């Protein structure tokens, strides 16, 4: 429910994409509707798998959890 509340409050932006490839300084995403690829710059990649929130970890990186 927290995810949906964040989306509704516009704190979280959801994209209809699939990750195709992660490179050192960029990622390649595919739009699931148009099947087109887009390369975007990135500094970090976070993969969240499971049900426990990584709040302490993110806050240790300087990310504010609202």
Foldseek 3Di string as FASTA:
>chain_A
DVVVVCVVVVVDDDAQWDWDDDDQFWTWIARPPVRDIDIDGDNDDDDDDDDDDPVVVCVVVVDDDD
